[in-house]
Protein backbone atom coordinates (compact mmCIF):
# COMPACT_ATOMS: atom_id res chain seq x y z
CA MET A 1 91.67 102.40 119.11
CA PRO A 2 88.93 102.64 116.48
CA SER A 3 88.78 105.71 114.21
CA PRO A 4 85.91 108.26 114.32
CA GLU A 5 84.82 106.83 110.92
CA SER A 6 84.51 103.41 112.49
CA TYR A 7 82.19 104.88 115.28
CA GLN A 8 80.01 106.57 112.66
CA LEU A 9 79.69 103.43 110.63
CA LEU A 10 78.72 101.31 113.73
CA LEU A 11 76.14 104.02 114.75
CA ALA A 12 74.67 104.13 111.28
CA ALA A 13 74.39 100.30 111.36
CA ALA A 14 72.74 100.35 114.76
CA ALA A 15 70.30 103.05 113.56
CA ALA A 16 69.51 100.82 110.55
CA CYS A 17 68.70 97.93 112.88
CA GLU A 18 66.35 100.25 114.89
CA ASP A 19 64.67 101.50 111.69
CA LYS A 20 63.83 97.82 110.73
CA LYS A 21 62.56 97.07 114.25
CA ALA A 22 65.27 94.68 115.21
CA GLU A 23 64.98 93.49 118.86
CA ASP A 24 67.53 93.42 121.65
CA ILE A 25 70.25 95.51 119.82
CA ARG A 26 73.54 95.28 121.70
CA ILE A 27 77.15 96.51 120.88
CA LEU A 28 79.89 94.60 122.42
CA ALA A 29 83.27 96.20 122.72
CA LEU A 30 85.70 93.33 122.44
CA ASP A 31 88.91 93.09 124.54
CA PRO A 32 91.78 93.79 122.15
CA ALA A 33 93.95 91.19 123.93
CA GLU A 34 91.47 88.43 123.16
CA SER A 35 90.17 89.38 119.76
CA GLY A 36 92.41 90.43 117.07
CA LEU A 37 89.84 90.26 114.40
CA THR A 38 87.61 93.15 115.17
CA ASP A 39 86.83 95.84 117.61
CA TYR A 40 83.08 95.60 118.00
CA PHE A 41 80.10 93.18 117.67
CA LEU A 42 76.69 94.54 116.76
CA ILE A 43 74.25 91.91 117.73
CA CYS A 44 70.47 91.88 117.17
CA ASN A 45 67.71 89.63 116.25
CA GLY A 46 64.54 89.78 114.23
CA THR A 47 61.18 87.90 114.58
CA ASN A 48 61.58 85.88 111.41
CA ASP A 49 64.00 85.17 108.63
CA ARG A 50 62.44 87.69 106.28
CA GLN A 51 62.94 90.39 108.85
CA ASN A 52 66.67 89.37 109.37
CA ILE A 53 67.22 89.76 105.64
CA ALA A 54 65.56 93.12 105.58
CA ILE A 55 67.63 94.25 108.54
CA THR A 56 70.85 93.27 106.81
CA ASP A 57 69.77 94.82 103.53
CA GLU A 58 69.00 98.09 105.33
CA ILE A 59 72.44 98.08 106.95
CA GLU A 60 74.26 97.32 103.78
CA MET A 61 72.29 100.01 101.76
CA ARG A 62 72.61 102.76 104.41
CA LEU A 63 76.45 102.23 104.86
CA LYS A 64 76.86 102.08 101.05
CA ARG A 65 74.69 105.17 100.44
CA GLU A 66 76.06 107.37 103.37
CA PHE A 67 79.72 106.29 103.48
CA GLY A 68 80.34 104.38 100.32
CA VAL A 69 81.40 101.26 102.36
CA TYR A 70 80.50 97.63 101.56
CA PRO A 71 80.98 94.65 103.79
CA ASN A 72 84.02 92.45 103.26
CA SER A 73 81.87 89.41 103.44
CA VAL A 74 78.25 88.38 104.17
CA GLU A 75 77.40 84.91 105.46
CA GLY A 76 74.08 83.16 106.00
CA ARG A 77 71.86 85.54 104.01
CA ARG A 78 70.24 82.78 102.11
CA GLN A 79 69.08 80.86 105.31
CA GLY A 80 68.31 84.04 107.21
CA GLU A 81 68.69 82.48 110.69
CA TRP A 82 72.11 83.93 111.50
CA ILE A 83 73.41 86.48 109.13
CA LEU A 84 76.97 87.86 109.62
CA MET A 85 78.31 91.06 107.95
CA ASP A 86 82.06 91.72 108.35
CA TYR A 87 82.94 95.48 108.15
CA VAL A 88 86.53 94.83 109.50
CA ASP A 89 86.25 97.20 112.51
CA PHE A 90 82.96 95.81 113.55
CA ILE A 91 80.93 92.60 112.74
CA VAL A 92 77.26 92.58 112.56
CA HIS A 93 75.29 89.45 113.72
CA VAL A 94 71.62 89.30 112.94
CA PHE A 95 70.01 86.27 114.50
CA SER A 96 66.64 84.60 114.81
CA ALA A 97 65.59 84.59 118.45
CA GLU A 98 66.16 80.73 118.69
CA LYS A 99 69.67 80.78 117.07
CA ARG A 100 70.75 83.77 119.35
CA ALA A 101 69.69 81.95 122.51
CA PHE A 102 71.37 78.74 121.39
CA TYR A 103 74.75 80.25 120.37
CA GLY A 104 74.92 82.97 123.07
CA LEU A 105 77.66 85.21 121.69
CA GLU A 106 77.25 87.48 124.70
CA ARG A 107 78.03 84.58 126.97
CA LEU A 108 80.96 83.48 124.83
CA ARG A 109 82.52 86.86 124.97
CA LYS A 110 82.60 87.36 128.69
CA SER A 111 85.51 89.87 128.61
CA ALA A 112 83.56 92.07 126.20
CA THR A 113 81.72 95.08 127.58
CA THR A 114 78.26 96.03 126.46
CA ILE A 115 77.87 99.57 125.47
CA SER A 116 74.87 101.49 124.60
CA VAL A 117 74.31 103.86 121.57
CA ALA A 118 74.59 106.84 123.83
CA GLU A 119 78.04 105.71 125.08
CA LEU A 120 79.14 105.08 121.55
CA ASN A 121 78.09 108.61 120.64
CA ALA A 122 80.06 109.97 123.59
CA GLU A 123 83.15 107.96 122.40
CA LEU A 124 82.57 109.34 118.86
CA LYS A 125 82.50 113.01 120.08
CA ALA A 126 85.64 112.33 122.20
CA ALA A 127 87.46 110.91 119.12
CA VAL A 128 86.35 113.77 116.91
CA SER A 129 87.53 116.39 119.42
CA ALA A 130 90.89 114.59 119.86
CA THR A 131 91.32 114.44 116.00
CA ARG A 132 90.55 118.15 115.83
CA ALA A 133 93.02 118.90 118.63
CA LYS A 134 95.76 117.09 116.79
CA ALA A 135 94.88 118.82 113.55
CA THR A 136 94.97 122.24 115.39
CA LYS A 137 98.40 121.35 116.93
CA GLY A 138 99.53 120.33 113.42
CA THR A 139 98.48 123.56 111.74
CA ALA A 140 99.98 125.65 114.59
CA ALA A 141 103.28 123.76 114.18
CA ALA A 142 103.09 124.33 110.43
CA LYS A 143 102.41 128.07 110.88
CA ALA A 144 105.30 128.37 113.40
CA ALA A 145 107.53 126.63 110.88
CA ASN A 146 106.50 128.90 108.11
CA LYS A 147 107.07 132.18 110.13
CA PRO A 148 110.82 132.07 109.98
CA ALA A 149 110.64 131.60 106.23
CA ALA A 150 108.18 134.37 105.96
CA ALA A 151 110.63 136.61 108.00
CA LYS A 152 113.41 135.81 105.61
CA THR A 153 111.40 136.86 102.55
CA PRO A 154 111.19 140.58 103.43
CA ALA A 155 114.93 140.62 104.22
CA LYS A 156 115.71 139.21 100.90
CA LYS A 157 113.51 141.73 99.19
CA ALA A 158 115.23 144.50 101.11
CA ALA A 159 118.67 143.19 100.16
CA LYS A 160 117.68 143.06 96.48
CA LYS A 161 116.25 146.58 96.77
CA ALA A 162 119.46 147.98 98.15
CA ALA A 163 121.53 146.25 95.54
CA LYS A 164 119.54 147.87 92.60
CA PRO A 165 120.97 151.16 91.33
CA LYS A 166 118.65 154.14 92.04
CA LYS A 167 117.44 156.13 89.16
CA THR A 168 117.27 159.82 89.69
CA ALA A 169 114.74 161.84 87.87
CA ALA A 170 114.06 165.61 87.84
CA LYS A 171 111.14 166.28 90.25
CA ALA A 172 108.55 168.86 89.39
CA PRO A 173 108.48 171.86 91.71
CA ALA A 174 105.80 171.91 94.30
CA LYS A 175 103.08 174.43 94.17
CA GLY A 176 104.06 177.77 95.39
CA ALA A 177 107.82 176.85 95.33
CA ARG A 178 110.37 179.03 93.53
CA THR A 179 111.81 177.64 90.42
CA ALA A 180 115.51 178.05 89.35
CA SER A 181 114.72 181.30 87.67
CA GLY A 182 113.50 182.54 91.01
CA SER A 183 109.84 183.25 90.04
CA ALA A 184 106.97 181.75 91.91
CA LYS A 185 104.07 179.93 90.10
CA SER A 186 100.91 181.88 90.36
CA LYS A 187 97.46 180.58 90.66
CA ARG A 188 95.31 181.42 87.69
């Protein structure tokens, strides 16, 4: 299962495609049994080679600026007809319209399910809440583990306190109390 960070990266890449007016943006969730190389394909196309390069530049700059992540490899940037960017958890394919129709990645990956950006957002929220729930359970377990240790600490202090010899000091008489000579202090 992809991490919440992977979902965030994929959503940021899809948003970069939208910002550069990419056409027919699709996210394919690949079947783990068939594809061991990645979890998602982000597929889109531009109207010309220059727009394809601009789309990939925007994706790369946004992910670098917002997350400090670079692609592992980029293929086809020089030609601009089919640019592939490998981000390990997902792969971005930016095609020209002709090359996309010719290669038909959606057709080749029949077992993959097409998901929308809204569905991906819902998955991200679910992953974040699951991560928070695990973190909450972890902190509760840590607190429970620390409570017996905390209970031992006051007992140790009490034992040390009992072991120390007590010093006795002469106390001053209270106001209005009689002294050893029998006279009471008067208020002046």
